[in-house]
């Protein structure tokens, strides 16, 4: 059976709460993923900042499928989902999330559809 695409499920723990509330930081992260994997957005990213000390949800529709994130500053955690219908190389999620969000632990699962 032919692979229809690859999905990455990424969980980052031990993150800095301030980074998980900062749309600018998360938008920069999206920009890095999109540029370095040569993805093609068909819309601008959409961001929802929850009120108070809560987190952020972000989504961008790609020609290849989508990139999404959800953050929980109160839990110091974030979840990312990238689905690509065309093969892409592995991306340095762990290193980048440690650098940009202060993650102390990053779990990456890759699923072939």
N, C-alpha and C. Protein backbone atom coordinates (compact mmCIF):
# COMPACT_ATOMS: atom_id res chain seq x y z
N UNK A 1 0.84 -1.19 0.00
CA UNK A 1 0.00 0.00 0.00
C UNK A 1 0.88 1.25 0.00
N UNK A 2 0.54 2.19 -0.81
CA UNK A 2 1.28 3.44 -0.91
C UNK A 2 1.03 4.31 0.32
N UNK A 3 2.07 4.97 0.79
CA UNK A 3 1.91 5.89 1.92
C UNK A 3 1.21 7.15 1.44
N UNK A 4 0.15 7.53 2.13
CA UNK A 4 -0.61 8.72 1.77
C UNK A 4 -0.03 9.98 2.40
N UNK A 5 0.74 9.78 3.43
CA UNK A 5 1.34 10.93 4.10
C UNK A 5 1.93 10.53 5.43
N UNK A 6 2.57 11.49 6.06
CA UNK A 6 3.19 11.28 7.36
C UNK A 6 2.65 12.31 8.33
N UNK A 7 2.35 11.85 9.52
CA UNK A 7 1.85 12.74 10.58
C UNK A 7 2.82 12.67 11.75
N UNK A 8 3.17 13.85 12.25
CA UNK A 8 4.02 13.95 13.43
C UNK A 8 3.18 14.47 14.58
N UNK A 9 3.24 13.78 15.71
CA UNK A 9 2.57 14.20 16.94
C UNK A 9 3.67 14.49 17.95
N UNK A 10 3.74 15.73 18.37
CA UNK A 10 4.84 16.17 19.21
C UNK A 10 4.28 16.71 20.52
N UNK A 11 4.83 16.23 21.63
CA UNK A 11 4.45 16.72 22.96
C UNK A 11 5.69 17.29 23.62
N UNK A 12 5.58 18.51 24.11
CA UNK A 12 6.69 19.17 24.80
C UNK A 12 6.27 19.46 26.23
N UNK A 13 7.11 19.05 27.19
CA UNK A 13 6.81 19.25 28.61
C UNK A 13 7.93 20.07 29.25
N UNK A 14 7.61 20.66 30.40
CA UNK A 14 8.59 21.45 31.12
C UNK A 14 8.88 22.79 30.46
N UNK A 15 7.96 23.25 29.63
CA UNK A 15 8.15 24.51 28.89
C UNK A 15 7.95 25.73 29.79
N UNK A 16 8.53 26.84 29.37
CA UNK A 16 8.34 28.11 30.08
C UNK A 16 6.90 28.60 29.85
N UNK A 17 6.15 28.83 30.92
CA UNK A 17 4.76 29.29 30.74
C UNK A 17 4.64 30.57 29.92
N UNK A 18 5.58 31.50 30.08
CA UNK A 18 5.50 32.75 29.31
C UNK A 18 5.61 32.48 27.81
N UNK A 19 6.45 31.54 27.41
CA UNK A 19 6.60 31.20 25.99
C UNK A 19 5.33 30.55 25.45
N UNK A 20 4.65 29.80 26.28
CA UNK A 20 3.43 29.10 25.85
C UNK A 20 2.24 30.04 25.73
N UNK A 21 2.36 31.25 26.27
CA UNK A 21 1.31 32.26 26.15
C UNK A 21 1.61 33.28 25.06
N UNK A 22 2.78 33.19 24.45
CA UNK A 22 3.26 34.22 23.54
C UNK A 22 3.02 33.82 22.08
N UNK A 23 2.03 34.44 21.46
CA UNK A 23 1.71 34.14 20.07
C UNK A 23 2.91 34.44 19.16
N UNK A 24 3.65 35.49 19.44
CA UNK A 24 4.81 35.84 18.61
C UNK A 24 5.84 34.71 18.60
N UNK A 25 6.13 34.14 19.75
CA UNK A 25 7.07 33.02 19.83
C UNK A 25 6.57 31.82 19.05
N UNK A 26 5.29 31.50 19.21
CA UNK A 26 4.71 30.35 18.51
C UNK A 26 4.64 30.59 17.01
N UNK A 27 4.35 31.83 16.60
CA UNK A 27 4.32 32.17 15.18
C UNK A 27 5.72 32.03 14.57
N UNK A 28 6.74 32.42 15.31
CA UNK A 28 8.12 32.26 14.84
C UNK A 28 8.44 30.78 14.67
N UNK A 29 7.99 29.96 15.60
CA UNK A 29 8.18 28.52 15.51
C UNK A 29 7.51 27.97 14.24
N UNK A 30 6.25 28.36 14.01
CA UNK A 30 5.55 27.94 12.80
C UNK A 30 6.33 28.36 11.56
N UNK A 31 6.81 29.61 11.54
CA UNK A 31 7.57 30.11 10.40
C UNK A 31 8.80 29.25 10.13
N UNK A 32 9.50 28.84 11.20
CA UNK A 32 10.69 27.99 11.05
C UNK A 32 10.32 26.64 10.45
N UNK A 33 9.29 26.00 10.98
CA UNK A 33 8.86 24.69 10.48
C UNK A 33 8.51 24.81 8.99
N UNK A 34 7.70 25.80 8.67
CA UNK A 34 7.22 25.98 7.29
C UNK A 34 8.39 26.23 6.34
N UNK A 35 9.29 27.13 6.70
CA UNK A 35 10.40 27.46 5.82
C UNK A 35 11.37 26.29 5.67
N UNK A 36 11.75 25.69 6.78
CA UNK A 36 12.78 24.65 6.73
C UNK A 36 12.30 23.35 6.09
N UNK A 37 11.00 23.08 6.17
CA UNK A 37 10.45 21.88 5.53
C UNK A 37 9.87 22.19 4.15
N UNK A 38 10.01 23.45 3.73
CA UNK A 38 9.52 23.90 2.43
C UNK A 38 8.03 23.58 2.25
N UNK A 39 7.25 23.91 3.28
CA UNK A 39 5.81 23.72 3.23
C UNK A 39 5.17 24.94 2.57
N UNK A 40 3.94 24.77 2.11
CA UNK A 40 3.27 25.83 1.36
C UNK A 40 1.94 26.20 2.01
N UNK A 41 1.93 27.24 2.84
CA UNK A 41 0.68 27.69 3.45
C UNK A 41 -0.29 28.19 2.38
N UNK A 42 -1.56 27.86 2.55
CA UNK A 42 -2.59 28.39 1.65
C UNK A 42 -3.42 29.47 2.35
N UNK A 43 -3.18 29.64 3.64
CA UNK A 43 -3.81 30.71 4.42
C UNK A 43 -2.78 31.23 5.41
N UNK A 44 -3.06 32.37 5.97
CA UNK A 44 -2.27 32.87 7.09
C UNK A 44 -2.60 32.01 8.31
N UNK A 45 -1.65 31.82 9.22
CA UNK A 45 -1.98 31.09 10.46
C UNK A 45 -3.10 31.81 11.23
N UNK A 46 -3.90 31.03 11.90
CA UNK A 46 -4.96 31.54 12.75
C UNK A 46 -4.56 31.25 14.19
N UNK A 47 -4.65 32.26 15.07
CA UNK A 47 -4.25 32.11 16.47
C UNK A 47 -5.40 32.49 17.36
N UNK A 48 -5.57 31.72 18.42
CA UNK A 48 -6.54 32.07 19.47
C UNK A 48 -5.82 32.09 20.80
N UNK A 49 -5.78 33.26 21.42
CA UNK A 49 -5.17 33.40 22.74
C UNK A 49 -6.30 33.34 23.75
N UNK A 50 -6.22 32.35 24.63
CA UNK A 50 -7.23 32.23 25.67
C UNK A 50 -6.99 33.30 26.71
N UNK A 51 -8.03 33.73 27.42
CA UNK A 51 -7.88 34.84 28.36
C UNK A 51 -7.03 34.49 29.59
N UNK A 52 -6.53 35.54 30.23
CA UNK A 52 -5.79 35.38 31.47
C UNK A 52 -4.48 34.67 31.27
N UNK A 53 -4.23 33.71 32.12
CA UNK A 53 -2.97 32.97 32.12
C UNK A 53 -3.03 31.70 31.27
N UNK A 54 -4.10 31.55 30.49
CA UNK A 54 -4.28 30.34 29.67
C UNK A 54 -3.40 30.38 28.43
N UNK A 55 -3.49 29.37 27.62
CA UNK A 55 -2.59 29.19 26.50
C UNK A 55 -3.11 29.69 25.17
N UNK A 56 -2.57 29.09 24.13
CA UNK A 56 -2.80 29.51 22.75
C UNK A 56 -3.10 28.27 21.91
N UNK A 57 -3.97 28.45 20.93
CA UNK A 57 -4.19 27.45 19.90
C UNK A 57 -3.86 28.11 18.57
N UNK A 58 -3.11 27.39 17.73
CA UNK A 58 -2.75 27.93 16.43
C UNK A 58 -2.93 26.88 15.36
N UNK A 59 -3.22 27.35 14.14
CA UNK A 59 -3.46 26.44 13.03
C UNK A 59 -3.10 27.14 11.72
N UNK A 60 -2.47 26.42 10.82
CA UNK A 60 -2.26 26.92 9.46
C UNK A 60 -2.57 25.78 8.48
N UNK A 61 -3.38 26.12 7.51
CA UNK A 61 -3.72 25.18 6.44
C UNK A 61 -2.60 25.21 5.42
N UNK A 62 -2.10 24.04 5.08
CA UNK A 62 -0.99 23.90 4.13
C UNK A 62 -1.46 23.19 2.88
N UNK A 63 -0.81 23.46 1.76
CA UNK A 63 -1.09 22.68 0.55
C UNK A 63 -0.85 21.20 0.83
N UNK A 64 0.10 20.93 1.74
CA UNK A 64 0.43 19.55 2.11
C UNK A 64 -0.51 18.99 3.17
N UNK A 65 -1.26 19.79 3.88
CA UNK A 65 -2.27 19.44 4.88
C UNK A 65 -2.36 20.50 5.96
N UNK A 66 -1.71 20.28 7.16
CA UNK A 66 -1.88 21.28 8.21
C UNK A 66 -0.77 21.20 9.26
N UNK A 67 -0.66 22.30 10.02
CA UNK A 67 0.21 22.40 11.18
C UNK A 67 -0.62 23.04 12.28
N UNK A 68 -0.64 22.43 13.46
CA UNK A 68 -1.44 22.95 14.57
C UNK A 68 -0.66 22.88 15.87
N UNK A 69 -1.04 23.74 16.82
CA UNK A 69 -0.47 23.65 18.17
C UNK A 69 -1.51 24.04 19.20
N UNK A 70 -1.32 23.50 20.39
CA UNK A 70 -2.15 23.81 21.55
C UNK A 70 -1.19 23.91 22.73
N UNK A 71 -1.34 24.95 23.54
CA UNK A 71 -0.44 25.09 24.69
C UNK A 71 -1.23 25.18 25.98
N UNK A 72 -0.61 24.68 27.04
CA UNK A 72 -1.18 24.70 28.39
C UNK A 72 -0.11 25.23 29.34
N UNK A 73 0.00 26.55 29.49
CA UNK A 73 1.03 27.12 30.36
C UNK A 73 0.94 26.61 31.80
N UNK A 74 -0.28 26.41 32.28
CA UNK A 74 -0.46 25.95 33.66
C UNK A 74 0.10 24.54 33.86
N UNK A 75 0.24 23.78 32.78
CA UNK A 75 0.81 22.44 32.82
C UNK A 75 2.23 22.41 32.24
N UNK A 76 2.71 23.56 31.79
CA UNK A 76 4.02 23.69 31.15
C UNK A 76 4.17 22.75 29.96
N UNK A 77 3.08 22.60 29.19
CA UNK A 77 3.12 21.66 28.08
C UNK A 77 2.51 22.24 26.81
N UNK A 78 2.93 21.65 25.70
CA UNK A 78 2.42 22.04 24.39
C UNK A 78 2.31 20.78 23.53
N UNK A 79 1.38 20.82 22.60
CA UNK A 79 1.21 19.73 21.64
C UNK A 79 1.20 20.31 20.24
N UNK A 80 1.91 19.64 19.33
CA UNK A 80 1.98 20.07 17.94
C UNK A 80 1.60 18.89 17.06
N UNK A 81 0.98 19.21 15.93
CA UNK A 81 0.58 18.19 14.97
C UNK A 81 0.91 18.71 13.58
N UNK A 82 1.68 17.95 12.84
CA UNK A 82 2.00 18.28 11.46
C UNK A 82 1.65 17.08 10.60
N UNK A 83 0.83 17.31 9.59
CA UNK A 83 0.52 16.26 8.63
C UNK A 83 0.96 16.72 7.26
N UNK A 84 1.70 15.87 6.56
CA UNK A 84 2.17 16.17 5.21
C UNK A 84 1.80 15.02 4.29
N UNK A 85 1.21 15.34 3.16
CA UNK A 85 0.83 14.30 2.21
C UNK A 85 1.99 13.92 1.29
N UNK A 86 3.09 14.68 1.38
CA UNK A 86 4.29 14.35 0.60
C UNK A 86 5.43 14.14 1.58
N UNK A 87 6.37 13.26 1.25
CA UNK A 87 7.47 12.98 2.18
C UNK A 87 8.25 14.25 2.54
N UNK A 88 8.63 14.32 3.79
CA UNK A 88 9.45 15.41 4.32
C UNK A 88 10.51 14.78 5.22
N UNK A 89 11.67 15.42 5.30
CA UNK A 89 12.69 14.91 6.22
C UNK A 89 12.27 15.14 7.67
N UNK A 90 12.92 14.43 8.56
CA UNK A 90 12.69 14.70 9.98
C UNK A 90 13.12 16.13 10.27
N UNK A 91 12.47 16.75 11.23
CA UNK A 91 12.77 18.13 11.61
C UNK A 91 13.24 18.11 13.06
N UNK A 92 14.15 19.00 13.47
CA UNK A 92 14.69 18.97 14.83
C UNK A 92 13.72 19.51 15.88
N UNK A 93 12.60 18.83 16.04
CA UNK A 93 11.59 19.28 16.99
C UNK A 93 12.17 19.42 18.40
N UNK A 94 12.83 18.39 18.88
CA UNK A 94 13.30 18.40 20.27
C UNK A 94 14.25 19.57 20.52
N UNK A 95 15.23 19.73 19.67
CA UNK A 95 16.21 20.80 19.86
C UNK A 95 15.54 22.18 19.78
N UNK A 96 14.66 22.34 18.80
CA UNK A 96 14.01 23.63 18.60
C UNK A 96 13.07 23.97 19.75
N UNK A 97 12.30 22.99 20.23
CA UNK A 97 11.37 23.26 21.33
C UNK A 97 12.12 23.51 22.63
N UNK A 98 13.26 22.88 22.81
CA UNK A 98 14.08 23.17 23.99
C UNK A 98 14.57 24.61 23.92
N UNK A 99 15.03 25.02 22.75
CA UNK A 99 15.56 26.37 22.57
C UNK A 99 14.48 27.44 22.67
N UNK A 100 13.37 27.26 21.94
CA UNK A 100 12.36 28.31 21.83
C UNK A 100 11.38 28.34 23.00
N UNK A 101 11.06 27.16 23.55
CA UNK A 101 10.04 27.09 24.60
C UNK A 101 10.60 26.67 25.96
N UNK A 102 11.85 26.29 25.99
CA UNK A 102 12.46 25.82 27.24
C UNK A 102 12.04 24.42 27.62
N UNK A 103 11.56 23.63 26.67
CA UNK A 103 11.10 22.27 26.95
C UNK A 103 12.21 21.43 27.58
N UNK A 104 11.85 20.68 28.59
CA UNK A 104 12.81 19.77 29.23
C UNK A 104 12.63 18.33 28.73
N UNK A 105 11.49 18.05 28.12
CA UNK A 105 11.21 16.73 27.57
C UNK A 105 10.35 16.90 26.32
N UNK A 106 10.73 16.19 25.26
CA UNK A 106 9.97 16.24 24.01
C UNK A 106 9.77 14.81 23.52
N UNK A 107 8.52 14.46 23.27
CA UNK A 107 8.17 13.15 22.72
C UNK A 107 7.64 13.35 21.31
N UNK A 108 8.17 12.58 20.37
CA UNK A 108 7.78 12.69 18.97
C UNK A 108 7.31 11.33 18.49
N UNK A 109 6.11 11.32 17.94
CA UNK A 109 5.60 10.10 17.32
C UNK A 109 5.36 10.39 15.85
N UNK A 110 5.74 9.46 15.02
CA UNK A 110 5.57 9.61 13.58
C UNK A 110 4.69 8.47 13.09
N UNK A 111 3.65 8.83 12.34
CA UNK A 111 2.71 7.83 11.82
C UNK A 111 2.64 7.95 10.31
N UNK A 112 2.72 6.83 9.63
CA UNK A 112 2.56 6.81 8.18
C UNK A 112 1.13 6.41 7.88
N UNK A 113 0.49 7.18 7.06
CA UNK A 113 -0.92 6.93 6.72
C UNK A 113 -1.00 6.25 5.36
